[in-house]
Amino acid sequence: MRFLILVFLLIVSCAVKQESSDKANNWQYYYDLGMSSFMAKNYSEAIANFFRASQMASNEPKVWNALGLAYMEVQEYEKAENSFRKALQVDKSYTESKLNLGILYYRKLDYSNAHSVIKEVLNDEAFPQKHMAYYYLAKVNEAMGNREDYISNLRKAVSYNPMFLDAQLELAKAYEEEGRYVDAKRLYENLINNGIKSSTIHLNLARVEYGLKNYSLSKEHIKKVLEDRQTDPQTRNEALKLLSSVLIREQEDILGKKTSEESLPKPPMVPKEEESQQPSKLYRIQLGAFSSERYAKSWKDRLESELNLKDLVILVQSGLFRVLYGSFNSREEAQRELERLKKLNLYGFIVYD
């Protein structure tokens, strides 16, 4: 029996050694290790494993392509170019490497070569990632100052893959810059309707609705941004700034002031003397913000006379005259009062001053 056990262990040991030996001589094993490292952004290990795989299987274009991608991520552009070219030497029809070569030229600011190589990629009707090719062709067009081609190719990228988020967002942003708010709104709403929701998209929609003078809709999207616990601080601050702009436009429209459609009201160079500024920090409700002290006072007087609101003050901050209401010791107390004001069709937001 003891003899049989020893023989069994010897056989198992040899099998394990054989399996380890097979793995060590298998390019696919190192390629898979390299992909795992690449996805984890451990490019040093990825390059080492892709290189081992390339020495074992120099006729596999995907190995050279992967090695080129890893080199490109660490800005070893010459090595990346050599790797992509070796993939194409092995297989001229390996269009993925040709696209990556075009992207490499784009990163190197060699826009002429990037443009010609990516145009070649688009001639391959069998290539399954044409949306990526059109997207990077658009980026090259933008860098070369071809605005019309930039937008045209972004549209093609979105047409080839309507769920390509980067192209959708960039095209919508381009529409915004040109004042084409209806087109931008359509793109953002399409993303939301397809289940792609984020505080960034709601902030973009709020900005578009502001451009369309749909201030109530703009505030609805801002509210979603502020209520989302995953909203990062920068996006939250941008939402609050936009809300101030919305309130300025709303309240100045109520007071009959004609404002420019192209730019926000400019603050005065020298702010006027502040009124009733209290040194202690309390929770308050901001009911308005104006670039003019006269309009801030007019709004304050109207709130006092029509809604019988007391404890209203005007504070100056960054050239804006802010109309603040109440002084609450806790946010919960301020929130309860804010809900009461909403029933009177009066909207604002809580600040801590």
Protein backbone atom coordinates (compact mmCIF):
# COMPACT_ATOMS: atom_id res chain seq x y z
CA MET A 1 0.00 0.00 0.00
CA ARG A 2 2.81 2.40 0.90
CA PHE A 3 4.43 1.67 -2.45
CA LEU A 4 1.19 2.51 -4.29
CA ILE A 5 0.85 5.82 -2.44
CA LEU A 6 4.41 6.81 -3.39
CA VAL A 7 3.78 5.93 -7.02
CA PHE A 8 0.56 8.00 -7.01
CA LEU A 9 2.33 11.03 -5.52
CA LEU A 10 5.09 10.72 -8.11
CA ILE A 11 2.54 10.68 -10.95
CA VAL A 12 0.65 13.70 -9.54
CA SER A 13 3.93 15.59 -9.07
CA CYS A 14 4.95 14.93 -12.66
CA ALA A 15 1.51 16.04 -13.91
CA VAL A 16 1.73 19.31 -11.99
CA LYS A 17 5.23 19.93 -13.33
CA GLN A 18 4.04 19.16 -16.87
CA GLU A 19 1.07 21.54 -16.47
CA SER A 20 3.35 24.31 -15.17
CA SER A 21 5.76 23.68 -18.03
CA ASP A 22 2.93 23.85 -20.57
CA LYS A 23 1.76 27.18 -19.13
CA ALA A 24 5.28 28.60 -19.17
CA ASN A 25 5.55 27.76 -22.87
CA ASN A 26 2.05 28.94 -23.80
CA TRP A 27 1.89 32.48 -25.27
CA GLN A 28 -1.84 32.65 -24.51
CA TYR A 29 -1.04 32.27 -20.80
CA TYR A 30 1.24 35.34 -20.83
CA TYR A 31 -1.18 37.24 -23.05
CA ASP A 32 -4.01 36.66 -20.55
CA LEU A 33 -1.74 37.71 -17.69
CA GLY A 34 -0.87 40.83 -19.63
CA MET A 35 -4.53 41.69 -20.27
CA SER A 36 -5.30 41.27 -16.57
CA SER A 37 -2.46 43.63 -15.64
CA PHE A 38 -3.45 46.09 -18.37
CA MET A 39 -7.04 46.29 -17.11
CA ALA A 40 -5.68 46.89 -13.60
CA LYS A 41 -3.50 49.71 -15.05
CA ASN A 42 -0.35 47.90 -13.98
CA TYR A 43 1.38 48.69 -17.26
CA SER A 44 4.81 47.54 -16.16
CA GLU A 45 3.60 43.95 -15.65
CA ALA A 46 1.40 44.16 -18.72
CA ILE A 47 4.35 45.09 -20.94
CA ALA A 48 6.49 42.31 -19.47
CA ASN A 49 3.84 39.65 -20.11
CA PHE A 50 2.86 40.92 -23.56
CA PHE A 51 6.55 40.97 -24.51
CA ARG A 52 6.98 37.33 -23.40
CA ALA A 53 3.91 36.39 -25.42
CA SER A 54 5.24 38.22 -28.50
CA GLN A 55 8.50 36.25 -28.35
CA MET A 56 6.57 32.97 -28.27
CA ALA A 57 3.99 33.92 -30.91
CA SER A 58 5.49 36.53 -33.20
CA ASN A 59 2.81 35.71 -35.81
CA GLU A 60 -0.11 36.72 -33.56
CA PRO A 61 -1.21 40.29 -34.42
CA LYS A 62 -3.31 40.71 -31.28
CA VAL A 63 -0.23 40.20 -29.11
CA TRP A 64 1.67 42.97 -30.89
CA ASN A 65 -1.41 45.17 -30.76
CA ALA A 66 -1.77 44.68 -27.00
CA LEU A 67 1.92 45.42 -26.48
CA GLY A 68 1.52 48.62 -28.51
CA LEU A 69 -1.43 49.72 -26.38
CA ALA A 70 0.54 49.18 -23.17
CA TYR A 71 3.51 51.14 -24.54
CA MET A 72 1.17 53.94 -25.61
CA GLU A 73 -0.26 54.23 -22.09
CA VAL A 74 3.22 54.87 -20.68
CA GLN A 75 4.04 57.29 -23.54
CA GLU A 76 6.65 55.02 -25.09
CA TYR A 77 5.40 56.20 -28.46
CA GLU A 78 8.23 54.88 -30.65
CA LYS A 79 7.92 51.37 -29.17
CA ALA A 80 4.14 51.57 -29.49
CA GLU A 81 4.39 52.50 -33.18
CA ASN A 82 6.80 49.63 -33.84
CA SER A 83 4.43 47.19 -32.14
CA PHE A 84 1.40 48.34 -34.13
CA ARG A 85 3.40 48.14 -37.37
CA LYS A 86 4.53 44.59 -36.53
CA ALA A 87 0.89 43.60 -36.01
CA LEU A 88 0.09 44.96 -39.47
CA GLN A 89 3.11 43.22 -40.98
CA VAL A 90 1.77 39.94 -39.64
CA ASP A 91 -1.78 40.65 -40.82
CA LYS A 92 -2.48 43.64 -43.09
CA SER A 93 -6.21 43.24 -42.45
CA TYR A 94 -5.85 43.67 -38.68
CA THR A 95 -7.63 47.05 -38.76
CA GLU A 96 -7.71 47.45 -34.97
CA SER A 97 -3.96 48.05 -34.99
CA LYS A 98 -4.32 50.55 -37.81
CA LEU A 99 -6.86 52.52 -35.78
CA ASN A 100 -4.57 52.41 -32.74
CA LEU A 101 -1.74 53.67 -34.93
CA GLY A 102 -3.94 56.61 -35.95
CA ILE A 103 -4.79 57.31 -32.30
CA LEU A 104 -1.07 57.18 -31.51
CA TYR A 105 -0.36 59.83 -34.15
CA TYR A 106 -3.18 61.95 -32.67
CA ARG A 107 -1.59 61.75 -29.22
CA LYS A 108 1.78 62.69 -30.72
CA LEU A 109 0.10 65.76 -32.30
CA ASP A 110 0.93 64.40 -35.76
CA TYR A 111 -2.51 65.29 -37.09
CA SER A 112 -1.72 64.84 -40.79
CA ASN A 113 -0.69 61.18 -40.40
CA ALA A 114 -3.49 60.58 -37.90
CA HIS A 115 -6.05 61.87 -40.39
CA SER A 116 -4.81 59.74 -43.31
CA VAL A 117 -4.48 56.53 -41.26
CA ILE A 118 -7.94 56.82 -39.68
CA LYS A 119 -9.46 57.53 -43.12
CA GLU A 120 -7.94 54.22 -44.26
CA VAL A 121 -9.57 52.48 -41.30
CA LEU A 122 -12.98 53.73 -42.41
CA ASN A 123 -12.51 52.02 -45.78
CA ASP A 124 -12.72 48.62 -44.06
CA GLU A 125 -16.42 47.74 -44.20
CA ALA A 126 -15.81 44.70 -41.99
CA PHE A 127 -14.37 46.73 -39.12
CA PRO A 128 -16.84 46.50 -36.19
CA GLN A 129 -15.74 49.69 -34.39
CA LYS A 130 -16.35 52.38 -36.96
CA HIS A 131 -17.89 54.57 -34.26
CA MET A 132 -14.47 54.76 -32.59
CA ALA A 133 -12.80 55.62 -35.88
CA TYR A 134 -15.27 58.45 -36.58
CA TYR A 135 -14.87 59.71 -33.01
CA TYR A 136 -11.09 59.99 -33.28
CA LEU A 137 -11.35 61.43 -36.78
CA ALA A 138 -13.57 64.10 -35.23
CA LYS A 139 -10.92 64.75 -32.55
CA VAL A 140 -8.30 65.17 -35.27
CA ASN A 141 -10.62 67.55 -37.17
CA GLU A 142 -11.07 69.61 -34.01
CA ALA A 143 -7.30 69.80 -33.45
CA MET A 144 -6.81 70.90 -37.07
CA GLY A 145 -9.46 73.62 -36.71
CA ASN A 146 -12.03 71.97 -39.00
CA ARG A 147 -15.12 72.72 -36.93
CA GLU A 148 -17.64 71.60 -39.52
CA ASP A 149 -15.95 68.21 -40.07
CA TYR A 150 -15.53 67.86 -36.30
CA ILE A 151 -19.28 68.02 -35.68
CA SER A 152 -20.08 65.99 -38.80
CA ASN A 153 -17.87 63.09 -37.70
CA LEU A 154 -19.15 63.24 -34.13
CA ARG A 155 -22.66 62.83 -35.57
CA LYS A 156 -21.47 59.81 -37.54
CA ALA A 157 -19.91 58.29 -34.42
CA VAL A 158 -23.23 58.67 -32.60
CA SER A 159 -25.15 57.26 -35.58
CA TYR A 160 -22.97 54.16 -35.75
CA ASN A 161 -23.34 53.58 -32.00
CA PRO A 162 -26.11 55.59 -30.27
CA MET A 163 -24.91 54.32 -26.88
CA PHE A 164 -21.34 55.61 -27.35
CA LEU A 165 -21.32 57.92 -24.33
CA ASP A 166 -18.14 59.90 -25.06
CA ALA A 167 -19.34 60.88 -28.53
CA GLN A 168 -22.85 61.72 -27.29
CA LEU A 169 -21.54 64.03 -24.56
CA GLU A 170 -18.99 65.72 -26.80
CA LEU A 171 -21.52 66.31 -29.57
CA ALA A 172 -24.03 67.74 -27.10
CA LYS A 173 -21.32 70.03 -25.70
CA ALA A 174 -20.46 71.18 -29.22
CA TYR A 175 -24.13 71.98 -29.85
CA GLU A 176 -24.22 73.98 -26.60
CA GLU A 177 -21.20 76.02 -27.66
CA GLU A 178 -23.00 76.91 -30.89
CA GLY A 179 -26.22 77.81 -29.09
CA ARG A 180 -28.05 74.79 -30.54
CA TYR A 181 -29.73 74.02 -27.23
CA VAL A 182 -32.63 72.01 -28.68
CA ASP A 183 -30.20 69.59 -30.37
CA ALA A 184 -28.13 69.30 -27.19
CA LYS A 185 -31.26 68.66 -25.12
CA ARG A 186 -32.33 65.87 -27.46
CA LEU A 187 -29.01 64.08 -26.99
CA TYR A 188 -29.00 64.37 -23.20
CA GLU A 189 -32.61 63.19 -22.96
CA ASN A 190 -31.82 60.27 -25.25
CA LEU A 191 -29.10 59.14 -22.82
CA ILE A 192 -31.44 59.41 -19.84
CA ASN A 193 -34.20 57.54 -21.67
CA ASN A 194 -31.72 54.73 -22.30
CA GLY A 195 -30.92 54.41 -18.61
CA ILE A 196 -27.69 56.42 -18.58
CA LYS A 197 -28.25 58.77 -15.68
CA SER A 198 -25.68 60.79 -13.78
CA SER A 199 -25.42 64.10 -11.98
CA THR A 200 -23.20 65.36 -14.82
CA ILE A 201 -25.89 64.73 -17.43
CA HIS A 202 -28.55 66.40 -15.27
CA LEU A 203 -26.24 69.39 -14.77
CA ASN A 204 -25.73 69.61 -18.54
CA LEU A 205 -29.50 69.46 -19.06
CA ALA A 206 -29.99 72.18 -16.46
CA ARG A 207 -27.54 74.37 -18.37
CA VAL A 208 -29.33 73.69 -21.66
CA GLU A 209 -32.74 74.50 -20.16
CA TYR A 210 -31.23 77.72 -18.82
CA GLY A 211 -30.10 78.55 -22.34
CA LEU A 212 -33.65 77.88 -23.55
CA LYS A 213 -35.01 80.11 -20.75
CA ASN A 214 -36.88 77.13 -19.27
CA TYR A 215 -35.92 78.13 -15.75
CA SER A 216 -38.33 75.81 -13.91
CA LEU A 217 -37.00 72.78 -15.80
CA SER A 218 -33.46 73.95 -15.17
CA LYS A 219 -34.13 74.04 -11.41
CA GLU A 220 -35.62 70.54 -11.53
CA HIS A 221 -32.40 69.13 -12.96
CA ILE A 222 -30.29 71.14 -10.51
CA LYS A 223 -32.34 69.66 -7.68
CA LYS A 224 -31.55 66.14 -8.92
CA VAL A 225 -27.85 67.00 -8.95
CA LEU A 226 -27.91 68.36 -5.40
CA GLU A 227 -29.99 65.47 -4.05
CA ASP A 228 -27.72 62.82 -5.55
CA ARG A 229 -25.39 61.64 -2.79
CA GLN A 230 -22.85 60.49 -5.38
CA THR A 231 -22.43 64.00 -6.80
CA ASP A 232 -18.82 65.10 -6.42
CA PRO A 233 -18.01 68.47 -4.79
CA GLN A 234 -16.97 70.16 -8.04
CA THR A 235 -20.23 69.22 -9.81
CA ARG A 236 -22.21 70.30 -6.74
CA ASN A 237 -20.52 73.72 -6.73
CA GLU A 238 -21.19 74.16 -10.45
CA ALA A 239 -24.86 73.32 -9.84
CA LEU A 240 -25.11 75.94 -7.08
CA LYS A 241 -23.52 78.58 -9.32
CA LEU A 242 -25.96 77.74 -12.10
CA LEU A 243 -28.85 77.93 -9.64
CA SER A 244 -27.79 81.46 -8.68
CA SER A 245 -27.75 82.39 -12.36
CA VAL A 246 -31.22 80.89 -12.85
CA LEU A 247 -32.60 82.80 -9.87
CA ILE A 248 -31.08 86.04 -11.15
CA ARG A 249 -32.76 85.62 -14.51
CA GLU A 250 -36.09 84.59 -12.98
CA GLN A 251 -36.28 87.43 -10.53
CA GLU A 252 -35.06 90.09 -12.91
CA ASP A 253 -37.69 88.92 -15.40
CA ILE A 254 -40.32 89.25 -12.66
CA LEU A 255 -39.14 92.80 -11.97
CA GLY A 256 -39.28 93.62 -15.67
CA LYS A 257 -35.59 94.08 -16.32
CA LYS A 258 -34.48 93.22 -19.84
CA THR A 259 -31.43 90.98 -19.74
CA SER A 260 -29.11 89.87 -22.47
CA GLU A 261 -29.71 86.40 -23.89
CA GLU A 262 -26.04 85.88 -24.58
CA SER A 263 -24.38 86.56 -21.24
CA LEU A 264 -25.08 86.80 -17.54
CA PRO A 265 -25.47 90.26 -15.96
CA LYS A 266 -22.06 91.69 -15.08
CA PRO A 267 -21.48 92.51 -11.40
CA PRO A 268 -20.54 96.09 -10.50
CA MET A 269 -16.82 96.77 -10.22
CA VAL A 270 -17.20 98.17 -6.68
CA PRO A 271 -19.89 96.50 -4.53
CA LYS A 272 -22.07 98.90 -2.60
CA GLU A 273 -22.31 98.91 1.13
CA GLU A 274 -23.79 95.77 2.63
CA GLU A 275 -27.02 95.88 4.57
CA SER A 276 -27.64 94.21 7.88
CA GLN A 277 -24.81 91.70 7.54
CA GLN A 278 -24.72 89.48 10.60
CA PRO A 279 -21.34 88.19 11.76
CA SER A 280 -22.59 84.89 13.19
CA LYS A 281 -23.05 81.90 10.85
CA LEU A 282 -26.60 80.58 10.63
CA TYR A 283 -28.74 78.62 8.20
CA ARG A 284 -30.72 80.92 5.93
CA ILE A 285 -32.81 80.66 2.81
CA GLN A 286 -31.56 82.50 -0.26
CA LEU A 287 -34.58 83.85 -2.17
CA GLY A 288 -32.74 85.85 -4.77
CA ALA A 289 -29.44 87.14 -6.12
CA PHE A 290 -29.08 90.29 -8.22
CA SER A 291 -26.36 92.26 -9.94
CA SER A 292 -28.11 95.49 -8.90
CA GLU A 293 -28.78 96.69 -5.35
CA ARG A 294 -31.89 98.50 -6.57
CA TYR A 295 -33.48 95.29 -7.85
CA ALA A 296 -32.49 93.39 -4.72
CA LYS A 297 -34.23 96.02 -2.56
CA SER A 298 -37.27 95.99 -4.82
CA TRP A 299 -37.55 92.20 -4.50
CA LYS A 300 -37.08 92.40 -0.73
CA ASP A 301 -39.82 95.05 -0.42
CA ARG A 302 -42.18 92.97 -2.53
CA LEU A 303 -41.65 89.88 -0.38
CA GLU A 304 -42.31 91.91 2.76
CA SER A 305 -45.45 93.57 1.43
CA GLU A 306 -47.08 90.74 -0.53
CA LEU A 307 -46.09 87.69 1.55
CA ASN A 308 -45.56 89.44 4.87
CA LEU A 309 -42.10 87.94 5.23
CA LYS A 310 -39.91 89.33 7.98
CA ASP A 311 -36.25 88.90 8.82
CA LEU A 312 -35.11 89.61 5.25
CA VAL A 313 -31.58 90.92 4.70
CA ILE A 314 -29.42 91.83 1.72
CA LEU A 315 -25.83 90.63 1.71
CA VAL A 316 -23.18 91.37 -0.91
CA GLN A 317 -20.92 88.56 -2.07
CA SER A 318 -18.72 88.45 -5.17
CA GLY A 319 -20.53 91.47 -6.59
CA LEU A 320 -23.99 89.88 -6.20
CA PHE A 321 -26.69 91.26 -3.92
CA ARG A 322 -28.23 88.23 -2.21
CA VAL A 323 -31.65 88.36 -0.59
CA LEU A 324 -31.63 86.08 2.46
CA TYR A 325 -34.52 85.10 4.67
CA GLY A 326 -34.61 83.87 8.27
CA SER A 327 -31.95 82.72 10.67
CA PHE A 328 -32.18 79.07 11.68
CA ASN A 329 -30.05 77.12 14.12
CA SER A 330 -30.34 73.83 12.19
CA ARG A 331 -30.70 72.75 8.59
CA GLU A 332 -33.82 70.77 9.49
CA GLU A 333 -35.52 73.91 10.75
CA ALA A 334 -34.58 75.79 7.61
CA GLN A 335 -35.81 72.89 5.44
CA ARG A 336 -39.24 72.97 7.10
CA GLU A 337 -39.55 76.68 6.38
CA LEU A 338 -38.38 76.14 2.79
CA GLU A 339 -41.16 73.58 2.27
CA ARG A 340 -43.69 76.12 3.59
CA LEU A 341 -42.43 78.74 1.15
CA LYS A 342 -42.76 76.31 -1.76
CA LYS A 343 -46.48 76.09 -1.04
CA LEU A 344 -46.55 79.85 -1.65
CA ASN A 345 -44.80 79.29 -5.00
CA LEU A 346 -41.65 80.86 -3.61
CA TYR A 347 -38.45 78.94 -4.28
CA GLY A 348 -34.96 79.22 -2.91
CA PHE A 349 -32.21 77.15 -1.36
CA ILE A 350 -30.54 76.81 2.01
CA VAL A 351 -27.20 78.51 2.65
CA TYR A 352 -24.92 78.58 5.68
CA ASP A 353 -23.62 82.11 6.27
